[in-house]
Amino acid sequence: MSHDGLACIILAGGKSTRMKSDTPKVLHKIAGLSLIGWLLRTVEAMNPDRVIVVTAPFSDKAIAAEVAPHKTIIQKTAKGTGDAVKAALPALKGHEGPVLILLGDMPLLRAESVADLISAAQEDGAGMAVLAADAPNPDGYGRLVTASNGALAKIVEDRDCTDAQRGISLINTGAFCVNGTHLAAWVNRIKSNNAQGEFYITDLPEIAAEDGFETTISILEDEDEALGVNDRLDLSQLEYMMQISLRLHAMDGGATMIDPQSVFLSHDTKIGQDVMIEPNVIIGAGVEIENGATIHAFSHIEGAKIGAGASVGPYARIRPKSVIESGASVGNFIEVNRSTLKKGSKAKHLGYLGDVTVGEKCNVGAGTVVANYDGYEKHKSTFGKGSFIGSNSTIVAPVAIGDGAIVAAGSTVTVNVPDDALAIARVEGDVRPGWALERRKKKES
């Protein structure tokens, strides 16, 4: 979907005032990825020559870190969208191809829709194109007033509409594509003769018409693509919509979800065929689940790889840098952190496995804890192939349990255990017949 000579300006100077947040609006996330991150995915699919993100002084460093390696430009004072585009012009010096102008909080915008917008801007006689949506309820949006030939005559803001114009359902989404040869001249002719005293790119169609260029209209197939974010409610609605899309994609790929609406995925979740996901599962960023794996109810996974045919949960937590290999099983109330369970290994009940490699076909008993932190550093341990870790054992890292070795239940292991050895590290049993009865008699008397 490459377009030769394409540049893009993304406007990202919002203060997040209605979000009531110190975080710039475009850095708020849906499905684990920032709003501007979603938009950049779409833009990068166009293979542009350059992308310029216009920020405000208070948010420049944070946004620059998020959008790198793309260039950021600071709009020193907030004087409207036209002024924001003007700030980006020096970075476009010499560029004569099409220039996209997009709002940074449009995460649902599809690459196909952007491609249509670019094509519309390159029609004969066109100097620019505007992306529109046909909205059943256009209140609050600028209306597109068309000429007799179907080209755009002007954009009228909602508050300035006549009664007749309020009946127009074609709305401005805020996305434009402008001929780069004329962009600077047209932007510099925008005037601030409005109540706000600001410069708006919605004036560009009329300015282009003065030079004999039409503005074409590209209409979205799905008006939801134009949705932006003003407050936390908007953010939650976009999260809801994105989760539906991610779930459908996973199920189209061959995964089964018993109760899809209770499963939450991340922007980069990879799910194979014949994966079963039970209700109330949360999957964070950086997770890959291979074919035939089962994720049982109420499990939480992030930054981990789940192998083919593996089983996780219910009520399991798999933390980043963990790998559950094919056929391995992590059961009820197990936390796995920076650890690998190799093929066929099992940890079925109530335990913590941190910084440990669990060998093939190893059985980790209920209540096992790997004490990997000494108060200053994390230490690694290994459980050998075919080893058996008895229930309620504490493994004080760094420890190596050999192949085929057995750790007796209730042991606290602080030394390495050789292959095929038995390790017992607990106080010898002391049973005193009748002691409890004598104690009760004394207390009762």
Protein backbone atom coordinates (compact mmCIF):
# COMPACT_ATOMS: atom_id res chain seq x y z
CA MET A 1 0.00 0.00 0.00
CA SER A 2 2.98 2.25 -0.66
CA HIS A 3 2.49 5.79 -2.02
CA ASP A 4 5.43 7.51 -3.67
CA GLY A 5 6.49 10.87 -2.28
CA LEU A 6 4.06 10.79 0.67
CA ALA A 7 4.56 12.83 3.82
CA CYS A 8 2.40 12.91 6.92
CA ILE A 9 1.78 15.50 9.62
CA ILE A 10 0.19 14.20 12.83
CA LEU A 11 -1.31 16.79 15.16
CA ALA A 12 -0.65 15.72 18.76
CA GLY A 13 -0.60 18.88 20.85
CA GLY A 14 -3.73 18.25 22.94
CA LYS A 15 -3.53 19.07 26.64
CA SER A 16 -5.69 16.17 27.85
CA THR A 17 -7.78 18.69 29.79
CA ARG A 18 -11.04 16.75 29.64
CA MET A 19 -9.14 13.54 30.36
CA LYS A 20 -8.08 15.14 33.66
CA SER A 21 -4.64 13.64 33.21
CA ASP A 22 -0.97 14.63 33.31
CA THR A 23 -0.41 12.19 30.45
CA PRO A 24 -0.74 13.71 26.95
CA LYS A 25 -3.98 12.56 25.37
CA VAL A 26 -2.36 10.71 22.47
CA LEU A 27 -0.29 8.62 24.91
CA HIS A 28 -3.32 7.10 26.61
CA LYS A 29 -3.65 3.46 25.59
CA ILE A 30 -6.18 1.05 24.21
CA ALA A 31 -5.30 -2.65 24.11
CA GLY A 32 -1.89 -1.76 25.49
CA LEU A 33 -0.85 0.59 22.67
CA SER A 34 -1.02 4.39 22.70
CA LEU A 35 -3.59 6.19 20.57
CA ILE A 36 -0.84 7.67 18.43
CA GLY A 37 0.86 4.27 18.27
CA TRP A 38 -2.24 2.82 16.58
CA LEU A 39 -2.32 5.72 14.13
CA LEU A 40 1.38 5.33 13.32
CA ARG A 41 0.76 1.68 12.42
CA THR A 42 -1.76 2.86 9.85
CA VAL A 43 0.49 5.62 8.52
CA GLU A 44 3.55 3.37 8.30
CA ALA A 45 1.55 0.96 6.14
CA MET A 46 1.59 3.75 3.53
CA ASN A 47 5.42 3.71 3.56
CA PRO A 48 5.71 7.53 3.78
CA ASP A 49 8.95 9.39 3.06
CA ARG A 50 8.61 11.27 6.33
CA VAL A 51 6.30 11.58 9.33
CA ILE A 52 6.22 14.76 11.40
CA VAL A 53 4.43 14.82 14.74
CA VAL A 54 3.45 18.25 16.05
CA THR A 55 3.45 18.45 19.85
CA ALA A 56 3.03 21.02 22.59
CA PRO A 57 5.96 22.17 24.77
CA PHE A 58 4.69 20.34 27.86
CA SER A 59 4.43 16.99 26.08
CA ASP A 60 7.24 16.99 23.55
CA LYS A 61 9.71 14.67 25.31
CA ALA A 62 7.12 12.02 26.18
CA ILE A 63 5.59 12.00 22.71
CA ALA A 64 9.00 12.11 21.00
CA ALA A 65 9.99 8.96 22.89
CA GLU A 66 6.77 7.23 21.82
CA VAL A 67 6.93 8.10 18.13
CA ALA A 68 10.69 7.70 17.55
CA PRO A 69 12.33 7.54 15.06
CA HIS A 70 9.79 9.92 13.55
CA LYS A 71 10.47 13.64 13.89
CA THR A 72 8.64 15.87 16.38
CA ILE A 73 8.06 19.61 16.05
CA ILE A 74 6.87 21.83 18.90
CA GLN A 75 3.92 24.15 18.35
CA LYS A 76 5.02 26.83 20.80
CA THR A 77 1.59 28.37 21.33
CA ALA A 78 -1.80 26.72 20.80
CA LYS A 79 -3.32 28.78 18.00
CA GLY A 80 -5.33 26.13 16.20
CA THR A 81 -4.81 23.34 13.71
CA GLY A 82 -3.65 25.68 10.97
CA ASP A 83 -0.92 27.03 13.22
CA ALA A 84 0.10 23.46 14.11
CA VAL A 85 0.50 22.57 10.43
CA LYS A 86 2.45 25.79 9.90
CA ALA A 87 4.92 24.69 12.59
CA ALA A 88 5.63 21.54 10.56
CA LEU A 89 6.27 23.32 7.26
CA PRO A 90 10.05 23.83 7.71
CA ALA A 91 10.43 20.04 8.04
CA LEU A 92 8.62 19.65 4.70
CA LYS A 93 10.83 22.05 2.76
CA GLY A 94 11.24 20.83 -0.81
CA HIS A 95 8.50 18.20 -0.51
CA GLU A 96 6.11 18.26 -3.48
CA GLY A 97 4.18 15.03 -3.03
CA PRO A 98 0.89 14.54 -1.17
CA VAL A 99 0.81 15.47 2.51
CA LEU A 100 -1.51 13.72 4.94
CA ILE A 101 -2.73 15.76 7.90
CA LEU A 102 -4.14 13.54 10.65
CA LEU A 103 -5.30 13.95 14.24
CA GLY A 104 -3.25 11.93 16.71
CA ASP A 105 -6.24 10.44 18.54
CA MET A 106 -7.83 8.44 15.70
CA PRO A 107 -6.71 4.88 16.54
CA LEU A 108 -9.44 3.10 14.56
CA LEU A 109 -8.52 4.66 11.22
CA ARG A 110 -7.68 1.91 8.69
CA ALA A 111 -4.89 1.97 6.13
CA GLU A 112 -7.42 1.30 3.35
CA SER A 113 -9.31 4.47 4.26
CA VAL A 114 -6.12 6.53 4.25
CA ALA A 115 -5.22 5.09 0.84
CA ASP A 116 -8.64 6.15 -0.49
CA LEU A 117 -8.08 9.66 0.88
CA ILE A 118 -4.70 9.93 -0.86
CA SER A 119 -6.20 8.72 -4.15
CA ALA A 120 -9.04 11.24 -3.90
CA ALA A 121 -6.52 14.06 -3.44
CA GLN A 122 -4.78 13.04 -6.67
CA GLU A 123 -7.84 13.17 -8.92
CA ASP A 124 -7.70 15.53 -11.89
CA GLY A 125 -8.26 19.13 -10.85
CA ALA A 126 -8.01 18.35 -7.14
CA GLY A 127 -5.70 20.25 -4.84
CA MET A 128 -6.70 18.36 -1.74
CA ALA A 129 -9.15 15.88 -0.26
CA VAL A 130 -11.07 15.69 3.01
CA LEU A 131 -11.97 12.47 4.81
CA ALA A 132 -15.66 12.48 5.68
CA ALA A 133 -18.11 10.26 7.52
CA ASP A 134 -21.85 9.96 6.95
CA ALA A 135 -23.08 10.29 10.53
CA PRO A 136 -26.68 9.59 11.62
CA ASN A 137 -26.12 12.06 14.46
CA PRO A 138 -23.81 14.83 13.18
CA ASP A 139 -24.26 17.13 16.19
CA GLY A 140 -20.98 18.64 17.33
CA TYR A 141 -19.15 18.01 14.06
CA GLY A 142 -18.25 20.34 11.21
CA ARG A 143 -20.52 19.83 8.16
CA LEU A 144 -19.28 19.44 4.61
CA VAL A 145 -21.14 21.75 2.26
CA THR A 146 -20.81 20.52 -1.31
CA ALA A 147 -20.96 22.35 -4.64
CA SER A 148 -23.24 21.34 -7.51
CA ASN A 149 -20.48 19.14 -9.01
CA GLY A 150 -20.06 17.20 -5.76
CA ALA A 151 -16.78 18.85 -4.76
CA LEU A 152 -16.41 20.37 -1.31
CA ALA A 153 -17.36 24.04 -1.18
CA LYS A 154 -16.59 24.66 2.49
CA ILE A 155 -16.55 23.21 5.99
CA VAL A 156 -18.89 24.84 8.48
CA GLU A 157 -18.36 24.26 12.19
CA ASP A 158 -21.39 23.01 14.11
CA ARG A 159 -21.82 26.20 16.10
CA ASP A 160 -21.84 28.26 12.88
CA CYS A 161 -24.33 26.11 10.94
CA THR A 162 -27.59 27.47 9.60
CA ASP A 163 -30.72 25.43 10.20
CA ALA A 164 -30.41 23.96 6.72
CA GLN A 165 -26.74 23.08 7.22
CA ARG A 166 -27.51 21.31 10.49
CA GLY A 167 -29.42 18.77 8.44
CA ILE A 168 -26.25 17.77 6.55
CA SER A 169 -25.06 14.34 7.70
CA LEU A 170 -21.66 14.46 5.98
CA ILE A 171 -19.14 15.44 8.67
CA ASN A 172 -15.48 16.43 8.79
CA THR A 173 -13.26 13.81 10.47
CA GLY A 174 -10.25 16.12 10.72
CA ALA A 175 -8.18 14.15 8.20
CA PHE A 176 -6.89 15.88 5.06
CA CYS A 177 -4.57 15.12 2.15
CA VAL A 178 -3.09 18.21 0.48
CA ASN A 179 -0.92 18.76 -2.57
CA GLY A 180 2.55 19.39 -1.13
CA THR A 181 3.42 21.90 -3.83
CA HIS A 182 0.74 24.29 -2.59
CA LEU A 183 0.47 23.40 1.10
CA ALA A 184 2.79 26.09 2.49
CA ALA A 185 1.23 28.90 0.44
CA TRP A 186 -2.30 27.87 1.37
CA VAL A 187 -1.54 27.45 5.07
CA ASN A 188 0.11 30.86 5.21
CA ARG A 189 -3.13 32.38 3.85
CA ILE A 190 -5.28 31.02 6.69
CA LYS A 191 -6.66 33.91 8.73
CA SER A 192 -7.64 34.03 12.40
CA ASN A 193 -10.79 36.11 11.92
CA ASN A 194 -12.95 33.97 14.21
CA ALA A 195 -14.19 34.20 17.77
CA GLN A 196 -11.26 32.14 19.04
CA GLY A 197 -8.63 34.13 17.15
CA GLU A 198 -7.08 30.89 15.91
CA PHE A 199 -6.00 29.41 12.56
CA TYR A 200 -7.95 26.38 11.30
CA ILE A 201 -7.14 23.98 8.47
CA THR A 202 -10.86 23.76 7.76
CA ASP A 203 -10.34 27.03 5.83
CA LEU A 204 -8.08 25.28 3.30
CA PRO A 205 -10.81 24.13 0.85
CA GLU A 206 -11.97 27.70 0.25
CA ILE A 207 -8.38 28.92 -0.11
CA ALA A 208 -7.63 26.15 -2.63
CA ALA A 209 -10.76 27.10 -4.59
CA GLU A 210 -9.48 30.66 -4.90
CA ASP A 211 -6.55 29.22 -6.85
CA GLY A 212 -8.82 27.08 -9.03
CA PHE A 213 -8.34 23.75 -7.22
CA GLU A 214 -11.21 21.55 -6.12
CA THR A 215 -11.39 19.69 -2.83
CA THR A 216 -12.65 16.13 -3.25
CA ILE A 217 -14.38 14.11 -0.56
CA SER A 218 -13.47 10.58 0.51
CA ILE A 219 -16.20 8.97 2.61
CA LEU A 220 -15.44 6.32 5.22
CA GLU A 221 -17.19 2.98 4.87
CA ASP A 222 -17.46 2.79 8.66
CA GLU A 223 -18.01 6.04 10.51
CA ASP A 224 -16.50 4.53 13.69
CA GLU A 225 -13.05 4.93 12.12
CA ALA A 226 -13.37 8.66 12.72
CA LEU A 227 -13.90 8.34 16.45
CA GLY A 228 -11.45 10.27 18.59
CA VAL A 229 -10.94 10.72 22.31
CA ASN A 230 -12.00 13.67 24.43
CA ASP A 231 -12.52 12.06 27.82
CA ARG A 232 -12.25 8.80 29.75
CA LEU A 233 -15.64 7.63 28.50
CA ASP A 234 -14.47 7.99 24.90
CA LEU A 235 -11.33 6.05 25.80
CA SER A 236 -13.34 3.21 27.32
CA GLN A 237 -15.62 3.05 24.27
CA LEU A 238 -12.64 2.75 21.94
CA GLU A 239 -11.17 0.04 24.16
CA TYR A 240 -14.47 -1.83 23.93
CA MET A 241 -14.53 -1.56 20.15
CA MET A 242 -10.88 -2.52 19.75
CA GLN A 243 -11.32 -5.59 21.95
CA ILE A 244 -14.20 -6.76 19.75
CA SER A 245 -11.95 -6.41 16.71
CA LEU A 246 -9.04 -8.28 18.34
CA ARG A 247 -11.29 -11.12 19.52
CA LEU A 248 -12.85 -11.52 16.07
CA HIS A 249 -9.39 -11.63 14.53
CA ALA A 250 -8.32 -14.37 16.97
CA MET A 251 -11.44 -16.43 16.36
CA ASP A 252 -11.16 -15.98 12.60
CA GLY A 253 -7.67 -17.43 12.99
CA GLY A 254 -9.01 -20.61 14.59
CA ALA A 255 -9.11 -19.87 18.32
CA THR A 256 -12.11 -20.70 20.51
CA MET A 257 -13.38 -18.31 23.20
CA ILE A 258 -16.15 -19.62 25.42
CA ASP A 259 -17.14 -16.12 26.52
CA PRO A 260 -15.37 -13.64 24.20
CA GLN A 261 -16.55 -10.50 25.97
CA SER A 262 -14.72 -11.54 29.16
CA VAL A 263 -11.39 -12.09 27.38
CA PHE A 264 -9.07 -9.09 26.99
CA LEU A 265 -6.28 -9.12 24.42
CA SER A 266 -3.37 -6.83 23.62
CA HIS A 267 -2.48 -5.06 20.38
CA ASP A 268 0.27 -7.58 19.62
CA THR A 269 -1.28 -10.83 20.91
CA LYS A 270 -0.51 -13.83 18.69
CA ILE A 271 -2.89 -16.78 18.97
CA GLY A 272 -2.63 -19.99 16.96
CA GLN A 273 -5.22 -22.45 15.72
CA ASP A 274 -7.28 -24.64 18.07
CA VAL A 275 -6.36 -22.55 21.09
CA MET A 276 -9.04 -22.68 23.80
CA ILE A 277 -9.49 -19.59 25.95
CA GLU A 278 -11.91 -19.87 28.85
CA PRO A 279 -13.75 -16.92 30.46
CA ASN A 280 -12.14 -14.05 32.35
CA VAL A 281 -8.66 -14.20 30.86
CA ILE A 282 -6.42 -11.13 30.54
CA ILE A 283 -3.58 -11.20 28.02
CA GLY A 284 -1.11 -8.33 28.17
CA ALA A 285 1.51 -7.18 25.69
CA GLY A 286 4.06 -9.50 24.15
CA VAL A 287 2.17 -12.81 24.38
CA GLU A 288 2.28 -15.66 21.88
CA ILE A 289 0.04 -18.70 22.30
CA GLU A 290 0.79 -21.59 19.97
CA ASN A 291 -1.58 -24.12 18.42
CA GLY A 292 -3.71 -26.28 20.67
CA ALA A 293 -2.87 -24.56 23.96
CA THR A 294 -5.54 -24.09 26.62
CA ILE A 295 -5.83 -20.98 28.78
CA HIS A 296 -8.17 -21.74 31.64
CA ALA A 297 -10.40 -19.22 33.39
CA PHE A 298 -9.16 -16.26 35.42
CA SER A 299 -5.58 -16.43 34.16
CA HIS A 300 -3.33 -13.43 33.51
CA ILE A 301 -0.49 -13.62 30.98
CA GLU A 302 1.95 -10.94 29.84
CA GLY A 303 5.23 -10.97 27.95
CA ALA A 304 5.28 -14.76 27.70
CA LYS A 305 5.20 -17.61 25.20
CA ILE A 306 2.79 -20.51 25.65
CA GLY A 307 3.79 -23.57 23.63
CA ALA A 308 1.67 -25.90 21.54
CA GLY A 309 -0.68 -28.03 23.61
CA ALA A 310 0.36 -26.38 26.89
CA SER A 311 -2.16 -25.73 29.66
CA VAL A 312 -2.31 -22.61 31.83
CA GLY A 313 -4.59 -22.04 34.82
CA PRO A 314 -7.19 -21.63 36.06
CA TYR A 315 -6.10 -18.70 38.23
CA ALA A 316 -2.51 -18.69 36.95
CA ARG A 317 -0.29 -15.69 36.44
CA ILE A 318 2.45 -15.90 33.81
CA ARG A 319 4.74 -12.89 33.96
CA PRO A 320 7.19 -11.48 31.37
CA LYS A 321 10.16 -13.44 30.01
CA SER A 322 8.49 -16.74 30.80
CA VAL A 323 8.08 -19.70 28.47
CA ILE A 324 5.66 -22.58 28.96
CA GLU A 325 6.84 -25.13 26.41
CA SER A 326 4.68 -27.60 24.50
CA GLY A 327 2.74 -30.00 26.68
CA ALA A 328 3.76 -28.29 29.92
CA SER A 329 1.13 -27.48 32.51
CA VAL A 330 0.78 -24.58 34.94
CA GLY A 331 -2.21 -24.97 37.22
CA ASN A 332 -4.19 -23.32 40.00
CA PHE A 333 -2.68 -20.26 41.68
CA ILE A 334 0.78 -20.65 40.20
CA GLU A 335 2.89 -17.57 39.45
CA VAL A 336 5.66 -17.95 36.88
CA ASN A 337 8.18 -15.12 36.51
CA ARG A 338 11.15 -15.05 34.11
CA SER A 339 11.07 -18.83 34.08
CA THR A 340 10.85 -21.69 31.59
CA LEU A 341 8.86 -24.89 32.02
CA LYS A 342 10.19 -27.32 29.47
CA LYS A 343 8.21 -29.94 27.56
CA GLY A 344 5.87 -32.04 29.66
CA SER A 345 6.77 -30.43 32.99
CA LYS A 346 4.05 -29.72 35.55
CA ALA A 347 3.39 -27.24 38.33
CA LYS A 348 -0.24 -27.82 39.21
CA HIS A 349 -0.97 -26.11 42.51
CA LEU A 350 -0.13 -23.09 44.67
CA GLY A 351 3.44 -22.01 43.98
CA TYR A 352 5.91 -19.36 42.87
CA LEU A 353 8.49 -20.12 40.20
CA GLY A 354 10.90 -17.21 39.73
CA ASP A 355 14.09 -17.26 37.64
CA VAL A 356 14.06 -21.04 37.29
CA THR A 357 14.37 -23.45 34.40
CA VAL A 358 12.18 -26.48 35.01
CA GLY A 359 13.44 -29.47 33.04
CA GLU A 360 11.39 -31.79 30.84
CA LYS A 361 8.85 -33.98 32.62
CA CYS A 362 9.67 -32.44 35.99
CA ASN A 363 6.88 -32.44 38.58
CA VAL A 364 6.72 -29.45 40.91
CA GLY A 365 4.62 -30.21 43.98
CA ALA A 366 1.95 -28.03 45.55
CA GLY A 367 3.19 -25.11 47.61
CA THR A 368 6.68 -25.03 46.09
CA VAL A 369 8.38 -21.64 46.27
CA VAL A 370 11.59 -20.65 44.54
CA ALA A 371 13.14 -17.98 46.76
CA ASN A 372 15.02 -16.15 44.01
CA TYR A 373 15.60 -12.78 45.73
CA ASP A 374 18.10 -12.23 48.55
CA GLY A 375 17.10 -8.64 49.20
CA TYR A 376 19.66 -7.28 46.74
CA GLU A 377 19.84 -9.55 43.69
CA LYS A 378 17.78 -12.13 41.80
CA HIS A 379 19.37 -15.58 41.42
CA LYS A 380 18.68 -18.41 38.95
CA SER A 381 17.94 -22.06 39.65
CA THR A 382 17.44 -25.22 37.58
CA PHE A 383 15.31 -28.32 38.10
CA GLY A 384 16.65 -31.26 36.09
CA LYS A 385 14.87 -33.48 33.60
CA GLY A 386 12.51 -35.89 35.32
CA SER A 387 13.14 -34.43 38.78
CA PHE A 388 10.45 -34.32 41.46
CA ILE A 389 10.00 -31.40 43.85
CA GLY A 390 7.90 -32.42 46.83
CA SER A 391 5.04 -30.35 48.19
CA ASN A 392 5.74 -27.30 50.36
CA SER A 393 9.40 -27.17 49.41
CA THR A 394 11.40 -23.93 49.40
CA ILE A 395 14.27 -23.72 46.93
CA VAL A 396 16.68 -20.97 48.00
CA ALA A 397 18.38 -19.79 44.80
CA PRO A 398 20.85 -20.28 43.30
CA VAL A 399 20.31 -24.04 43.39
CA ALA A 400 20.63 -26.78 40.78
CA ILE A 401 18.44 -29.87 41.23
CA GLY A 402 19.88 -32.69 39.12
CA ASP A 403 18.16 -34.92 36.56
CA GLY A 404 15.95 -37.51 38.18
CA ALA A 405 16.54 -36.10 41.67
CA ILE A 406 13.85 -35.98 44.35
CA VAL A 407 13.31 -33.25 46.91
CA ALA A 408 11.34 -34.54 49.86
CA ALA A 409 8.15 -32.70 50.79
CA GLY A 410 8.59 -29.84 53.22
CA SER A 411 12.30 -29.38 52.49
CA THR A 412 14.20 -26.10 52.39
CA VAL A 413 16.98 -26.66 49.88
CA THR A 414 20.03 -24.37 49.91
CA VAL A 415 22.62 -26.61 48.18
CA ASN A 416 22.85 -28.31 44.80
CA VAL A 417 21.32 -31.79 44.53
CA PRO A 418 23.12 -34.35 42.28
CA ASP A 419 21.40 -36.41 39.61
CA ASP A 420 19.14 -39.16 40.98
CA ALA A 421 19.76 -38.11 44.60
CA LEU A 422 17.22 -37.62 47.40
CA ALA A 423 17.36 -34.29 49.23
CA ILE A 424 15.75 -34.01 52.65
CA ALA A 425 16.21 -30.67 54.35
CA ARG A 426 13.83 -30.53 57.30
CA VAL A 427 13.80 -31.09 61.06
CA GLU A 428 13.51 -34.78 62.00
CA GLY A 429 10.06 -35.68 63.27
CA ASP A 430 9.55 -35.73 67.09
CA VAL A 431 6.34 -37.42 68.27
CA ARG A 432 5.59 -37.40 72.03
CA PRO A 433 2.70 -39.73 72.97
CA GLY A 434 0.18 -38.30 75.42
CA TRP A 435 1.78 -34.84 75.57
CA ALA A 436 -1.26 -33.03 74.27
CA LEU A 437 -3.59 -34.75 76.74
CA GLU A 438 -1.35 -33.85 79.69
CA ARG A 439 -1.21 -30.22 78.52
CA ARG A 440 -4.99 -29.95 78.35
CA LYS A 441 -5.37 -31.39 81.86
CA LYS A 442 -2.93 -28.84 83.26
CA LYS A 443 -4.67 -25.95 81.55
CA GLU A 444 -8.14 -27.10 82.64
CA SER A 445 -7.03 -27.48 86.28
